[in-house]
C-alpha cells in the first residue's frame, strides 16, 4: 500500500487529532493532497538506491515553489507518524 493511500485512509485507524485534521484537510484541499503526494515521493525516493540523491530542495523545484522544503519535511514526518501506527 502506498504512503498516500495509508495516509488518506488513516482517519479510521488513528485517534491523533493532528493527523485527523491533516487528512481531512487533504481531502478538502487539492494543494494539501499534492503536498502529501510530494512528501510520499520523497519517502519512496529515500528507499531507492537510484534516487538517493533527491532532497527536499529538488522537490521544491519540481513543485515550482508551491511548497517549501520545511513543508515537505513536516508532511513527511506526519506520514511517517501515520505509518508507525
PDB file of N, CA and C in Angstrom:
ATOM      1  N   UNK A   1       0.844  -1.172   0.000  1.00  0.00           N
ATOM      2  CA  UNK A   1       0.000   0.000   0.000  1.00  0.00           C
ATOM      3  C   UNK A   1       0.894   1.242   0.000  1.00  0.00           C
ATOM      4  N   UNK A   2       0.545   2.215  -0.783  1.00  0.00           N
ATOM      5  CA  UNK A   2       1.398   3.397  -0.899  1.00  0.00           C
ATOM      6  C   UNK A   2       1.266   4.307   0.320  1.00  0.00           C
ATOM      7  N   UNK A   3       2.244   5.175   0.476  1.00  0.00           N
ATOM      8  CA  UNK A   3       2.208   6.129   1.577  1.00  0.00           C
ATOM      9  C   UNK A   3       0.965   7.018   1.487  1.00  0.00           C
ATOM     10  N   UNK A   4       0.626   7.447   0.276  1.00  0.00           N
ATOM     11  CA  UNK A   4      -0.548   8.302   0.096  1.00  0.00           C
ATOM     12  C   UNK A   4      -1.806   7.571   0.549  1.00  0.00           C
ATOM     13  N   UNK A   5      -1.973   6.336   0.100  1.00  0.00           N
ATOM     14  CA  UNK A   5      -3.155   5.551   0.472  1.00  0.00           C
ATOM     15  C   UNK A   5      -3.239   5.354   1.981  1.00  0.00           C
ATOM     16  N   UNK A   6      -2.116   5.012   2.586  1.00  0.00           N
ATOM     17  CA  UNK A   6      -2.089   4.808   4.036  1.00  0.00           C
ATOM     18  C   UNK A   6      -2.473   6.080   4.783  1.00  0.00           C
ATOM     19  N   UNK A   7      -1.915   7.184   4.333  1.00  0.00           N
ATOM     20  CA  UNK A   7      -2.200   8.454   4.984  1.00  0.00           C
ATOM     21  C   UNK A   7      -3.671   8.835   4.836  1.00  0.00           C
ATOM     22  N   UNK A   8      -4.184   8.742   3.619  1.00  0.00           N
ATOM     23  CA  UNK A   8      -5.559   9.174   3.365  1.00  0.00           C
ATOM     24  C   UNK A   8      -6.597   8.276   4.035  1.00  0.00           C
ATOM     25  N   UNK A   9      -6.233   7.045   4.319  1.00  0.00           N
ATOM     26  CA  UNK A   9      -7.187   6.138   4.974  1.00  0.00           C
ATOM     27  C   UNK A   9      -6.966   6.036   6.480  1.00  0.00           C
ATOM     28  N   UNK A  10      -6.109   6.874   7.015  1.00  0.00           N
ATOM     29  CA  UNK A  10      -5.715   6.744   8.422  1.00  0.00           C
ATOM     30  C   UNK A  10      -6.742   7.264   9.416  1.00  0.00           C
ATOM     31  N   UNK A  11      -7.753   7.989   8.993  1.00  0.00           N
ATOM     32  CA  UNK A  11      -8.684   8.592   9.954  1.00  0.00           C
ATOM     33  C   UNK A  11      -9.411   7.552  10.790  1.00  0.00           C
ATOM     34  N   UNK A  12      -9.764   6.434  10.221  1.00  0.00           N
ATOM     35  CA  UNK A  12     -10.496   5.430  10.981  1.00  0.00           C
ATOM     36  C   UNK A  12      -9.593   4.617  11.908  1.00  0.00           C
ATOM     37  N   UNK A  13      -8.277   4.672  11.663  1.00  0.00           N
ATOM     38  CA  UNK A  13      -7.344   3.864  12.440  1.00  0.00           C
ATOM     39  C   UNK A  13      -6.531   4.655  13.443  1.00  0.00           C
ATOM     40  N   UNK A  14      -6.702   5.969  13.466  1.00  0.00           N
ATOM     41  CA  UNK A  14      -5.819   6.788  14.285  1.00  0.00           C
ATOM     42  C   UNK A  14      -6.628   7.789  15.089  1.00  0.00           C
ATOM     43  N   UNK A  15      -6.371   7.876  16.373  1.00  0.00           N
ATOM     44  CA  UNK A  15      -7.083   8.806  17.247  1.00  0.00           C
ATOM     45  C   UNK A  15      -6.361  10.131  17.412  1.00  0.00           C
ATOM     46  N   UNK A  16      -5.241  10.343  16.743  1.00  0.00           N
ATOM     47  CA  UNK A  16      -4.465  11.566  16.851  1.00  0.00           C
ATOM     48  C   UNK A  16      -5.213  12.698  16.127  1.00  0.00           C
ATOM     49  N   UNK A  17      -5.611  13.729  16.869  1.00  0.00           N
ATOM     50  CA  UNK A  17      -6.387  14.829  16.295  1.00  0.00           C
ATOM     51  C   UNK A  17      -5.617  15.613  15.246  1.00  0.00           C
ATOM     52  N   UNK A  18      -4.297  15.777  15.451  1.00  0.00           N
ATOM     53  CA  UNK A  18      -3.473  16.498  14.483  1.00  0.00           C
ATOM     54  C   UNK A  18      -3.494  15.776  13.128  1.00  0.00           C
ATOM     55  N   UNK A  19      -3.304  14.475  13.156  1.00  0.00           N
ATOM     56  CA  UNK A  19      -3.304  13.697  11.917  1.00  0.00           C
ATOM     57  C   UNK A  19      -4.687  13.697  11.298  1.00  0.00           C
ATOM     58  N   UNK A  20      -5.705  13.502  12.121  1.00  0.00           N
ATOM     59  CA  UNK A  20      -7.080  13.515  11.621  1.00  0.00           C
ATOM     60  C   UNK A  20      -7.376  14.829  10.900  1.00  0.00           C
ATOM     61  N   UNK A  21      -6.928  15.944  11.473  1.00  0.00           N
ATOM     62  CA  UNK A  21      -7.150  17.252  10.851  1.00  0.00           C
ATOM     63  C   UNK A  21      -6.400  17.373   9.526  1.00  0.00           C
ATOM     64  N   UNK A  22      -5.162  16.869   9.480  1.00  0.00           N
ATOM     65  CA  UNK A  22      -4.379  16.928   8.229  1.00  0.00           C
ATOM     66  C   UNK A  22      -5.024  16.088   7.130  1.00  0.00           C
ATOM     67  N   UNK A  23      -5.513  14.903   7.485  1.00  0.00           N
ATOM     68  CA  UNK A  23      -6.166  14.040   6.497  1.00  0.00           C
ATOM     69  C   UNK A  23      -7.435  14.715   5.983  1.00  0.00           C
ATOM     70  N   UNK A  24      -8.230  15.251   6.885  1.00  0.00           N
ATOM     71  CA  UNK A  24      -9.458  15.941   6.487  1.00  0.00           C
ATOM     72  C   UNK A  24      -9.138  17.120   5.574  1.00  0.00           C
ATOM     73  N   UNK A  25      -8.072  17.850   5.894  1.00  0.00           N
ATOM     74  CA  UNK A  25      -7.660  18.978   5.073  1.00  0.00           C
ATOM     75  C   UNK A  25      -7.225  18.515   3.679  1.00  0.00           C
ATOM     76  N   UNK A  26      -6.491  17.405   3.620  1.00  0.00           N
ATOM     77  CA  UNK A  26      -6.040  16.871   2.328  1.00  0.00           C
ATOM     78  C   UNK A  26      -7.220  16.412   1.474  1.00  0.00           C
ATOM     79  N   UNK A  27      -8.283  15.950   2.112  1.00  0.00           N
ATOM     80  CA  UNK A  27      -9.477  15.529   1.368  1.00  0.00           C
ATOM     81  C   UNK A  27     -10.255  16.721   0.813  1.00  0.00           C
ATOM     82  N   UNK A  28     -10.127  17.875   1.465  1.00  0.00           N
ATOM     83  CA  UNK A  28     -10.836  19.082   1.034  1.00  0.00           C
ATOM     84  C   UNK A  28     -10.028  19.940   0.072  1.00  0.00           C
ATOM     85  N   UNK A  29      -8.725  19.921   0.220  1.00  0.00           N
ATOM     86  CA  UNK A  29      -7.860  20.878  -0.453  1.00  0.00           C
ATOM     87  C   UNK A  29      -6.837  20.149  -1.326  1.00  0.00           C
ATOM     88  N   UNK A  30      -6.937  20.363  -2.621  1.00  0.00           N
ATOM     89  CA  UNK A  30      -6.056  19.668  -3.569  1.00  0.00           C
ATOM     90  C   UNK A  30      -4.587  20.017  -3.351  1.00  0.00           C
ATOM     91  N   UNK A  31      -4.292  21.231  -2.901  1.00  0.00           N
ATOM     92  CA  UNK A  31      -2.886  21.597  -2.702  1.00  0.00           C
ATOM     93  C   UNK A  31      -2.269  20.822  -1.533  1.00  0.00           C
ATOM     94  N   UNK A  32      -3.060  20.540  -0.503  1.00  0.00           N
ATOM     95  CA  UNK A  32      -2.557  19.729   0.611  1.00  0.00           C
ATOM     96  C   UNK A  32      -2.403  18.278   0.160  1.00  0.00           C
ATOM     97  N   UNK A  33      -3.340  17.800  -0.648  1.00  0.00           N
ATOM     98  CA  UNK A  33      -3.223  16.435  -1.196  1.00  0.00           C
ATOM     99  C   UNK A  33      -1.944  16.321  -2.029  1.00  0.00           C
ATOM    100  N   UNK A  34      -1.646  17.345  -2.819  1.00  0.00           N
ATOM    101  CA  UNK A  34      -0.417  17.337  -3.611  1.00  0.00           C
ATOM    102  C   UNK A  34       0.813  17.324  -2.710  1.00  0.00           C
ATOM    103  N   UNK A  35       0.752  18.048  -1.603  1.00  0.00           N
ATOM    104  CA  UNK A  35       1.858  18.038  -0.639  1.00  0.00           C
ATOM    105  C   UNK A  35       2.046  16.643  -0.059  1.00  0.00           C
ATOM    106  N   UNK A  36       0.949  15.958   0.242  1.00  0.00           N
ATOM    107  CA  UNK A  36       1.021  14.565   0.717  1.00  0.00           C
ATOM    108  C   UNK A  36       1.705  13.697  -0.347  1.00  0.00           C
ATOM    109  N   UNK A  37       1.328  13.890  -1.603  1.00  0.00           N
ATOM    110  CA  UNK A  37       1.910  13.098  -2.695  1.00  0.00           C
ATOM    111  C   UNK A  37       3.407  13.385  -2.855  1.00  0.00           C
ATOM    112  N   UNK A  38       3.797  14.638  -2.769  1.00  0.00           N
ATOM    113  CA  UNK A  38       5.213  15.002  -2.908  1.00  0.00           C
ATOM    114  C   UNK A  38       6.025  14.454  -1.736  1.00  0.00           C
ATOM    115  N   UNK A  39       5.491  14.576  -0.533  1.00  0.00           N
ATOM    116  CA  UNK A  39       6.196  14.039   0.634  1.00  0.00           C
ATOM    117  C   UNK A  39       6.296  12.518   0.552  1.00  0.00           C
ATOM    118  N   UNK A  40       5.269  11.876   0.007  1.00  0.00           N
ATOM    119  CA  UNK A  40       5.300  10.421  -0.182  1.00  0.00           C
ATOM    120  C   UNK A  40       6.358  10.034  -1.203  1.00  0.00           C
ATOM    121  N   UNK A  41       6.468  10.809  -2.264  1.00  0.00           N
ATOM    122  CA  UNK A  41       7.516  10.576  -3.260  1.00  0.00           C
ATOM    123  C   UNK A  41       8.897  10.723  -2.614  1.00  0.00           C
ATOM    124  N   UNK A  42       9.042  11.705  -1.765  1.00  0.00           N
ATOM    125  CA  UNK A  42      10.296  11.928  -1.053  1.00  0.00           C
ATOM    126  C   UNK A  42      10.652  10.709  -0.203  1.00  0.00           C
ATOM    127  N   UNK A  43       9.673  10.174   0.519  1.00  0.00           N
ATOM    128  CA  UNK A  43       9.900   8.966   1.328  1.00  0.00           C
ATOM    129  C   UNK A  43      10.296   7.780   0.454  1.00  0.00           C
ATOM    130  N   UNK A  44       9.573   7.578  -0.636  1.00  0.00           N
ATOM    131  CA  UNK A  44       9.861   6.454  -1.527  1.00  0.00           C
ATOM    132  C   UNK A  44      11.241   6.600  -2.169  1.00  0.00           C
ATOM    133  N   UNK A  45      11.614   7.832  -2.520  1.00  0.00           N
ATOM    134  CA  UNK A  45      12.918   8.066  -3.143  1.00  0.00           C
ATOM    135  C   UNK A  45      14.050   7.740  -2.181  1.00  0.00           C
ATOM    136  N   UNK A  46      13.839   8.002  -0.913  1.00  0.00           N
ATOM    137  CA  UNK A  46      14.864   7.689   0.081  1.00  0.00           C
ATOM    138  C   UNK A  46      15.097   6.183   0.201  1.00  0.00           C
ATOM    139  N   UNK A  47      14.113   5.395  -0.167  1.00  0.00           N
ATOM    140  CA  UNK A  47      14.241   3.939  -0.078  1.00  0.00           C
ATOM    141  C   UNK A  47      14.857   3.326  -1.334  1.00  0.00           C
ATOM    142  N   UNK A  48      14.998   4.123  -2.384  1.00  0.00           N
ATOM    143  CA  UNK A  48      15.541   3.639  -3.649  1.00  0.00           C
ATOM    144  C   UNK A  48      16.995   4.078  -3.795  1.00  0.00           C
ATOM    145  N   UNK A  49      17.862   3.136  -4.132  1.00  0.00           N
ATOM    146  CA  UNK A  49      19.269   3.482  -4.350  1.00  0.00           C
ATOM    147  C   UNK A  49      19.447   4.422  -5.532  1.00  0.00           C
ATOM    148  N   UNK A  50      18.630   4.256  -6.551  1.00  0.00           N
ATOM    149  CA  UNK A  50      18.768   5.066  -7.758  1.00  0.00           C
ATOM    150  C   UNK A  50      18.409   6.526  -7.529  1.00  0.00           C
ATOM    151  N   UNK A  51      17.500   6.788  -6.601  1.00  0.00           N
ATOM    152  CA  UNK A  51      17.024   8.152  -6.369  1.00  0.00           C
ATOM    153  C   UNK A  51      17.522   8.729  -5.049  1.00  0.00           C
ATOM    154  N   UNK A  52      18.578   8.162  -4.511  1.00  0.00           N
ATOM    155  CA  UNK A  52      19.027   8.564  -3.181  1.00  0.00           C
ATOM    156  C   UNK A  52      19.560   9.993  -3.124  1.00  0.00           C
ATOM    157  N   UNK A  53      19.807  10.614  -4.271  1.00  0.00           N
ATOM    158  CA  UNK A  53      20.324  11.978  -4.267  1.00  0.00           C
ATOM    159  C   UNK A  53      19.219  13.035  -4.198  1.00  0.00           C
ATOM    160  N   UNK A  54      17.972  12.622  -4.235  1.00  0.00           N
ATOM    161  CA  UNK A  54      16.875  13.586  -4.152  1.00  0.00           C
ATOM    162  C   UNK A  54      16.810  14.133  -2.733  1.00  0.00           C
ATOM    163  N   UNK A  55      16.736  15.449  -2.646  1.00  0.00           N
ATOM    164  CA  UNK A  55      16.497  16.065  -1.338  1.00  0.00           C
ATOM    165  C   UNK A  55      15.264  16.956  -1.453  1.00  0.00           C
ATOM    166  N   UNK A  56      14.856  17.520  -0.357  1.00  0.00           N
ATOM    167  CA  UNK A  56      13.627  18.318  -0.333  1.00  0.00           C
ATOM    168  C   UNK A  56      13.707  19.515  -1.278  1.00  0.00           C
ATOM    169  N   UNK A  57      14.886  20.073  -1.457  1.00  0.00           N
ATOM    170  CA  UNK A  57      15.025  21.230  -2.340  1.00  0.00           C
ATOM    171  C   UNK A  57      14.758  20.881  -3.803  1.00  0.00           C
ATOM    172  N   UNK A  58      15.085  19.665  -4.199  1.00  0.00           N
ATOM    173  CA  UNK A  58      14.760  19.215  -5.558  1.00  0.00           C
ATOM    174  C   UNK A  58      13.244  19.180  -5.734  1.00  0.00           C
ATOM    175  N   UNK A  59      12.545  18.696  -4.714  1.00  0.00           N
ATOM    176  CA  UNK A  59      11.084  18.625  -4.799  1.00  0.00           C
ATOM    177  C   UNK A  59      10.439  20.003  -4.724  1.00  0.00           C
ATOM    178  N   UNK A  60      11.112  20.959  -4.092  1.00  0.00           N
ATOM    179  CA  UNK A  60      10.629  22.343  -4.127  1.00  0.00           C
ATOM    180  C   UNK A  60      10.642  22.825  -5.574  1.00  0.00           C
ATOM    181  N   UNK A  61      11.716  22.517  -6.293  1.00  0.00           N
ATOM    182  CA  UNK A  61      11.807  22.905  -7.711  1.00  0.00           C
ATOM    183  C   UNK A  61      10.774  22.176  -8.559  1.00  0.00           C
ATOM    184  N   UNK A  62      10.605  20.893  -8.306  1.00  0.00           N
ATOM    185  CA  UNK A  62       9.633  20.092  -9.064  1.00  0.00           C
ATOM    186  C   UNK A  62       8.219  20.648  -8.866  1.00  0.00           C
ATOM    187  N   UNK A  63       7.943  21.129  -7.670  1.00  0.00           N
ATOM    188  CA  UNK A  63       6.604  21.680  -7.385  1.00  0.00           C
ATOM    189  C   UNK A  63       6.489  23.147  -7.799  1.00  0.00           C
ATOM    190  N   UNK A  64       7.505  23.648  -8.490  1.00  0.00           N
ATOM    191  CA  UNK A  64       7.539  25.048  -8.935  1.00  0.00           C
ATOM    192  C   UNK A  64       7.373  26.011  -7.767  1.00  0.00           C
ATOM    193  N   UNK A  65       7.950  25.638  -6.630  1.00  0.00           N
ATOM    194  CA  UNK A  65       7.926  26.503  -5.461  1.00  0.00           C
ATOM    195  C   UNK A  65       6.602  26.541  -4.713  1.00  0.00           C
ATOM    196  N   UNK A  66       5.702  25.628  -5.049  1.00  0.00           N
ATOM    197  CA  UNK A  66       4.404  25.602  -4.360  1.00  0.00           C
ATOM    198  C   UNK A  66       4.542  25.258  -2.885  1.00  0.00           C
ATOM    199  N   UNK A  67       5.587  24.505  -2.551  1.00  0.00           N
ATOM    200  CA  UNK A  67       5.812  24.071  -1.171  1.00  0.00           C
ATOM    201  C   UNK A  67       7.268  24.336  -0.807  1.00  0.00           C
ATOM    202  N   UNK A  68       7.480  24.685   0.432  1.00  0.00           N
ATOM    203  CA  UNK A  68       8.855  24.887   0.905  1.00  0.00           C
ATOM    204  C   UNK A  68       9.441  23.534   1.327  1.00  0.00           C
ATOM    205  N   UNK A  69      10.749  23.511   1.464  1.00  0.00           N
ATOM    206  CA  UNK A  69      11.410  22.284   1.939  1.00  0.00           C
ATOM    207  C   UNK A  69      10.895  21.923   3.328  1.00  0.00           C
ATOM    208  N   UNK A  70      10.668  22.917   4.168  1.00  0.00           N
ATOM    209  CA  UNK A  70      10.155  22.670   5.526  1.00  0.00           C
ATOM    210  C   UNK A  70       8.773  22.035   5.479  1.00  0.00           C
ATOM    211  N   UNK A  71       7.887  22.512   4.582  1.00  0.00           N
ATOM    212  CA  UNK A  71       6.544  21.926   4.467  1.00  0.00           C
ATOM    213  C   UNK A  71       6.622  20.462   4.029  1.00  0.00           C
ATOM    214  N   UNK A  72       7.511  20.166   3.093  1.00  0.00           N
ATOM    215  CA  UNK A  72       7.672  18.789   2.610  1.00  0.00           C
ATOM    216  C   UNK A  72       8.196  17.900   3.737  1.00  0.00           C
ATOM    217  N   UNK A  73       9.186  18.368   4.456  1.00  0.00           N
ATOM    218  CA  UNK A  73       9.765  17.581   5.551  1.00  0.00           C
ATOM    219  C   UNK A  73       8.759  17.393   6.687  1.00  0.00           C
ATOM    220  N   UNK A  74       7.998  18.438   6.989  1.00  0.00           N
ATOM    221  CA  UNK A  74       6.974  18.313   8.037  1.00  0.00           C
ATOM    222  C   UNK A  74       5.897  17.307   7.651  1.00  0.00           C
ATOM    223  N   UNK A  75       5.470  17.345   6.391  1.00  0.00           N
ATOM    224  CA  UNK A  75       4.460  16.378   5.939  1.00  0.00           C
ATOM    225  C   UNK A  75       5.044  14.974   5.923  1.00  0.00           C
ATOM    226  N   UNK A  76       6.315  14.847   5.559  1.00  0.00           N
ATOM    227  CA  UNK A  76       6.983  13.546   5.606  1.00  0.00           C
ATOM    228  C   UNK A  76       6.915  12.985   7.028  1.00  0.00           C
ATOM    229  N   UNK A  77       7.170  13.821   8.021  1.00  0.00           N
ATOM    230  CA  UNK A  77       7.110  13.385   9.426  1.00  0.00           C
ATOM    231  C   UNK A  77       5.701  12.947   9.807  1.00  0.00           C
ATOM    232  N   UNK A  78       4.713  13.668   9.338  1.00  0.00           N
ATOM    233  CA  UNK A  78       3.317  13.309   9.622  1.00  0.00           C
ATOM    234  C   UNK A  78       2.967  11.972   8.981  1.00  0.00           C
ATOM    235  N   UNK A  79       3.403  11.754   7.752  1.00  0.00           N
ATOM    236  CA  UNK A  79       3.146  10.489   7.069  1.00  0.00           C
ATOM    237  C   UNK A  79       3.828   9.344   7.793  1.00  0.00           C
ATOM    238  N   UNK A  80       5.052   9.559   8.231  1.00  0.00           N
ATOM    239  CA  UNK A  80       5.761   8.521   8.978  1.00  0.00           C
ATOM    240  C   UNK A  80       5.062   8.207  10.304  1.00  0.00           C
ATOM    241  N   UNK A  81       4.512   9.226  10.920  1.00  0.00           N
ATOM    242  CA  UNK A  81       3.765   9.019  12.153  1.00  0.00           C
ATOM    243  C   UNK A  81       2.550   8.125  11.914  1.00  0.00           C
ATOM    244  N   UNK A  82       1.854   8.358  10.810  1.00  0.00           N
ATOM    245  CA  UNK A  82       0.709   7.509  10.441  1.00  0.00           C
ATOM    246  C   UNK A  82       1.174   6.084  10.162  1.00  0.00           C
ATOM    247  N   UNK A  83       2.288   5.954   9.450  1.00  0.00           N
ATOM    248  CA  UNK A  83       2.794   4.627   9.080  1.00  0.00           C
ATOM    249  C   UNK A  83       3.242   3.819  10.281  1.00  0.00           C
ATOM    250  N   UNK A  84       3.640   4.506  11.347  1.00  0.00           N
ATOM    251  CA  UNK A  84       4.135   3.788  12.526  1.00  0.00           C
ATOM    252  C   UNK A  84       3.002   3.294  13.416  1.00  0.00           C
ATOM    253  N   UNK A  85       1.779   3.769  13.169  1.00  0.00           N
ATOM    254  CA  UNK A  85       0.627   3.346  13.994  1.00  0.00           C
ATOM    255  C   UNK A  85      -0.053   2.132  13.423  1.00  0.00           C
TER     256      UNK A  85
END
